[in-house]
Amino acid sequence: MCAKILVVDDEQQIVDLFKQSLEKEGYEVITAYDGLAAIEQVDRQNPDLILLDWMMPKMDGFEVCKKIRPKTDSPIIMVTAKGEEIDKILGLEIGADDYITKPFSPREVLARVKAQLRRTTYTNEKNTSGQENVIRVGELEIDKSAYQIRRSGADVALTYREFQLVLFLAENAGQVFSREALLEHVWGYEYFGDVRTVDVTVRRTREKLEPDQNNYRYILTKRGVGYYFDKAQ
């Protein structure tokens, strides 16, 4: 079954460009032209991936992302005409998985879409392969089949990318990964942005995962090298 992609943009030309490129690759494309319509489409259609414009009428992409992120684990790729770093960082802070800056090429869009969907498919296949689906570290339970992390029995609400980051580090506990290595392994492709994407995601994940923000127990920093998951619990 082909993936269903929601394209959200108030510019007809941009929507048509996305739609043509994606349908040519065999994807099912649904569309919305403002923020409120985007939320309705997410509720009705449950898309596998969302391409979400930053600047839109009625409700901008920032607010849309905040509202739909708790409803779906599907990857969200923000599309922005702005080049300022603050927009990209804000998108990642609220749960976006990636971003594209206008102007963009159809090849770049397809590369990013395929990478996000490939990572999602790989995770789902791995979680149903009959392998042990729960990793237990200290107070944490990482349930791969339920796509959920619990701390002391309580659910921790993570986005898709945050969960992937924790899962990858936990499966390789004790091994230090540079930011570039994490971009390759967790984001799944040669990332077009900068490595601060990793720092933003780590910080956001720690805020949700770590019981003591002054004394991290799980995701630790090796100064000058990168990040690792502490296996000595």
Protein backbone atom coordinates (compact mmCIF):
# COMPACT_ATOMS: atom_id res chain seq x y z
CA MET A 1 0.00 0.00 0.00
CA CYS A 2 1.40 3.40 -0.99
CA ALA A 3 2.12 6.04 1.62
CA LYS A 4 -0.37 8.86 2.08
CA ILE A 5 1.19 12.32 2.21
CA LEU A 6 -0.52 15.52 3.33
CA VAL A 7 0.75 18.65 1.55
CA VAL A 8 -0.13 21.90 3.32
CA ASP A 9 0.62 25.22 1.65
CA ASP A 10 -1.40 28.32 0.76
CA GLU A 11 0.34 28.67 -2.62
CA GLN A 12 -1.38 26.66 -5.35
CA GLN A 13 1.82 26.51 -7.39
CA ILE A 14 3.76 24.94 -4.52
CA VAL A 15 0.99 22.42 -3.82
CA ASP A 16 0.86 21.43 -7.49
CA LEU A 17 4.64 21.01 -7.61
CA PHE A 18 4.64 18.77 -4.54
CA LYS A 19 1.63 16.81 -5.77
CA GLN A 20 3.06 16.18 -9.22
CA SER A 21 6.46 15.05 -7.92
CA LEU A 22 5.04 12.81 -5.20
CA GLU A 23 2.32 11.19 -7.30
CA LYS A 24 4.89 10.43 -9.98
CA GLU A 25 6.69 8.35 -7.32
CA GLY A 26 3.49 6.47 -6.50
CA TYR A 27 2.44 8.29 -3.33
CA GLU A 28 -1.15 9.20 -2.52
CA VAL A 29 -1.36 12.96 -1.99
CA ILE A 30 -3.97 14.87 -0.06
CA THR A 31 -3.89 18.66 0.27
CA ALA A 32 -4.83 21.58 2.50
CA TYR A 33 -4.41 25.30 1.89
CA ASP A 34 -4.55 26.71 5.41
CA GLY A 35 -3.76 25.66 8.97
CA LEU A 36 -7.28 24.79 10.08
CA ALA A 37 -7.84 22.61 7.02
CA ALA A 38 -4.55 20.86 7.74
CA ILE A 39 -5.69 19.87 11.22
CA GLU A 40 -8.98 18.55 9.80
CA GLN A 41 -7.11 16.46 7.23
CA VAL A 42 -4.86 14.96 9.88
CA ASP A 43 -7.92 13.97 11.93
CA ARG A 44 -9.78 12.51 8.94
CA GLN A 45 -7.03 11.03 6.79
CA ASN A 46 -4.27 10.02 9.24
CA PRO A 47 -1.46 10.70 6.72
CA ASP A 48 1.83 8.82 6.82
CA LEU A 49 3.83 12.03 6.37
CA ILE A 50 3.06 15.76 6.45
CA LEU A 51 4.71 18.51 4.41
CA LEU A 52 3.76 21.64 6.33
CA ASP A 53 4.30 25.23 5.21
CA TRP A 54 5.47 27.69 7.86
CA MET A 55 3.57 30.82 6.79
CA MET A 56 -0.16 30.26 6.14
CA PRO A 57 -3.48 32.03 6.71
CA LYS A 58 -5.85 31.25 9.61
CA MET A 59 -3.15 29.34 11.51
CA ASP A 60 0.56 29.22 10.75
CA GLY A 61 2.67 26.09 10.54
CA PHE A 62 4.16 26.65 13.97
CA GLU A 63 0.74 26.45 15.64
CA VAL A 64 -0.42 23.62 13.39
CA CYS A 65 2.63 21.54 14.27
CA LYS A 66 2.05 22.08 17.99
CA LYS A 67 -1.58 20.99 17.66
CA ILE A 68 -1.10 17.92 15.44
CA ARG A 69 2.07 16.54 17.03
CA PRO A 70 0.21 15.01 20.01
CA LYS A 71 -2.22 13.37 17.57
CA THR A 72 0.23 11.65 15.26
CA ASP A 73 3.66 10.04 15.18
CA SER A 74 3.93 10.59 11.43
CA PRO A 75 7.00 12.55 10.32
CA ILE A 76 6.46 16.30 9.85
CA ILE A 77 8.64 18.17 7.38
CA MET A 78 8.38 21.94 7.77
CA VAL A 79 8.57 24.05 4.61
CA THR A 80 9.70 27.64 5.06
CA ALA A 81 10.46 30.49 2.72
CA LYS A 82 12.55 32.11 5.41
CA GLY A 83 16.25 31.49 5.77
CA GLU A 84 16.63 32.55 9.37
CA GLU A 85 18.02 29.89 11.67
CA ILE A 86 15.43 30.72 14.33
CA ASP A 87 12.62 29.35 12.17
CA LYS A 88 14.37 26.03 11.67
CA ILE A 89 15.20 25.65 15.34
CA LEU A 90 11.66 26.59 16.39
CA GLY A 91 10.26 23.94 14.07
CA LEU A 92 12.45 21.28 15.61
CA GLU A 93 11.62 22.47 19.11
CA ILE A 94 7.88 21.88 18.61
CA GLY A 95 8.24 18.41 17.15
CA ALA A 96 9.02 18.72 13.45
CA ASP A 97 11.32 16.01 12.11
CA ASP A 98 12.94 17.92 9.28
CA TYR A 99 12.72 21.14 7.31
CA ILE A 100 13.01 22.32 3.72
CA THR A 101 13.82 25.92 2.82
CA LYS A 102 12.31 27.52 -0.29
CA PRO A 103 13.40 27.58 -3.02
CA PHE A 104 13.92 23.82 -3.19
CA SER A 105 14.35 21.21 -5.87
CA PRO A 106 11.90 18.33 -6.38
CA ARG A 107 14.83 15.93 -5.97
CA GLU A 108 15.60 17.29 -2.51
CA VAL A 109 11.95 17.00 -1.49
CA LEU A 110 11.74 13.41 -2.66
CA ALA A 111 15.01 12.52 -0.92
CA ARG A 112 13.74 13.86 2.38
CA VAL A 113 10.31 12.27 2.03
CA LYS A 114 11.76 8.87 1.15
CA ALA A 115 14.24 9.04 4.00
CA GLN A 116 11.52 9.78 6.56
CA LEU A 117 9.21 7.05 5.25
CA ARG A 118 12.06 4.55 4.95
CA ARG A 119 13.01 5.13 8.57
CA THR A 120 9.39 4.68 9.69
CA THR A 121 8.98 1.48 7.67
CA TYR A 122 12.25 0.06 8.95
CA THR A 123 11.24 0.71 12.55
CA ASN A 124 7.84 -0.92 12.12
CA GLU A 125 9.34 -4.00 10.45
CA LYS A 126 12.00 -4.32 13.11
CA ASN A 127 9.45 -4.01 15.89
CA THR A 128 7.35 -6.87 14.49
CA SER A 129 10.20 -9.24 13.60
CA GLY A 130 9.84 -11.40 16.69
CA GLN A 131 12.85 -9.91 18.46
CA GLU A 132 12.76 -8.74 22.07
CA ASN A 133 10.64 -5.60 21.90
CA VAL A 134 11.30 -4.05 25.31
CA ILE A 135 14.59 -2.52 26.44
CA ARG A 136 14.84 -1.91 30.19
CA VAL A 137 17.40 0.54 31.53
CA GLY A 138 17.04 1.77 35.09
CA GLU A 139 13.55 3.22 35.48
CA LEU A 140 13.01 3.27 31.72
CA GLU A 141 11.11 0.78 29.56
CA ILE A 142 11.53 1.33 25.83
CA ASP A 143 8.72 -0.59 24.15
CA LYS A 144 9.58 -0.88 20.48
CA SER A 145 6.36 -2.55 19.36
CA ALA A 146 4.12 -0.02 21.17
CA TYR A 147 6.45 2.81 20.12
CA GLN A 148 6.33 4.06 23.69
CA ILE A 149 8.74 4.87 26.49
CA ARG A 150 7.73 4.59 30.13
CA ARG A 151 9.58 5.90 33.16
CA SER A 152 8.62 4.28 36.46
CA GLY A 153 5.49 2.98 34.74
CA ALA A 154 4.34 6.38 33.45
CA ASP A 155 4.27 7.13 29.71
CA VAL A 156 6.75 9.66 28.38
CA ALA A 157 5.32 11.59 25.43
CA LEU A 158 8.02 11.73 22.77
CA THR A 159 7.85 12.63 19.11
CA TYR A 160 8.87 10.17 16.42
CA ARG A 161 12.37 11.63 16.13
CA GLU A 162 12.87 11.82 19.89
CA PHE A 163 11.84 8.17 20.26
CA GLN A 164 14.19 7.15 17.46
CA LEU A 165 17.06 8.99 19.11
CA VAL A 166 16.51 7.30 22.48
CA LEU A 167 16.03 3.89 20.88
CA PHE A 168 19.20 4.12 18.79
CA LEU A 169 21.33 5.29 21.72
CA ALA A 170 19.84 2.67 24.07
CA GLU A 171 20.46 -0.13 21.58
CA ASN A 172 24.08 1.04 21.41
CA ALA A 173 24.43 1.92 25.10
CA GLY A 174 27.90 3.03 26.14
CA GLN A 175 28.99 3.91 22.61
CA VAL A 176 29.65 7.60 21.95
CA PHE A 177 28.25 9.02 18.70
CA SER A 178 29.22 12.32 17.14
CA ARG A 179 26.48 14.66 15.98
CA GLU A 180 27.27 13.79 12.38
CA ALA A 181 26.94 10.07 13.14
CA LEU A 182 23.60 10.60 14.86
CA LEU A 183 22.32 12.56 11.87
CA GLU A 184 23.28 9.66 9.62
CA HIS A 185 21.88 6.88 11.81
CA VAL A 186 18.80 8.49 13.35
CA TRP A 187 17.78 10.90 10.61
CA GLY A 188 18.67 8.25 8.07
CA TYR A 189 20.44 10.24 5.37
CA GLU A 190 23.06 12.88 4.74
CA TYR A 191 21.35 15.79 6.45
CA PHE A 192 21.18 19.08 4.56
CA GLY A 193 20.95 21.16 7.74
CA ASP A 194 23.53 21.68 10.44
CA VAL A 195 24.49 19.50 13.38
CA ARG A 196 22.73 21.77 15.87
CA THR A 197 19.62 19.83 14.89
CA VAL A 198 20.96 17.04 17.10
CA ASP A 199 21.55 19.38 20.02
CA VAL A 200 17.98 20.69 19.81
CA THR A 201 16.51 17.21 19.73
CA VAL A 202 18.70 15.98 22.58
CA ARG A 203 17.75 18.96 24.72
CA ARG A 204 14.05 18.52 24.01
CA THR A 205 14.26 14.79 24.72
CA ARG A 206 16.11 15.30 27.99
CA GLU A 207 13.42 17.71 29.17
CA LYS A 208 10.87 14.92 28.84
CA LEU A 209 12.97 11.90 29.70
CA GLU A 210 15.26 12.91 32.53
CA PRO A 211 13.78 13.12 36.06
CA ASP A 212 16.49 15.55 37.20
CA GLN A 213 17.48 18.27 34.74
CA ASN A 214 20.58 19.05 36.79
CA ASN A 215 21.83 15.47 36.80
CA TYR A 216 21.24 13.52 33.59
CA ARG A 217 21.04 9.75 33.93
CA TYR A 218 20.35 8.46 30.45
CA ILE A 219 21.53 10.64 27.56
CA LEU A 220 24.98 11.90 28.49
CA THR A 221 27.49 14.16 26.77
CA LYS A 222 31.09 13.27 26.01
CA ARG A 223 32.57 16.72 25.81
CA GLY A 224 34.08 17.48 22.43
CA VAL A 225 32.87 14.16 20.98
CA GLY A 226 29.11 13.63 21.11
CA TYR A 227 26.37 11.83 22.99
CA TYR A 228 25.88 8.37 24.49
CA PHE A 229 23.38 6.38 26.51
CA ASP A 230 24.54 5.39 29.98
CA LYS A 231 24.24 1.61 30.42
CA ALA A 232 25.46 1.67 34.02
CA GLN A 233 22.11 2.04 35.77
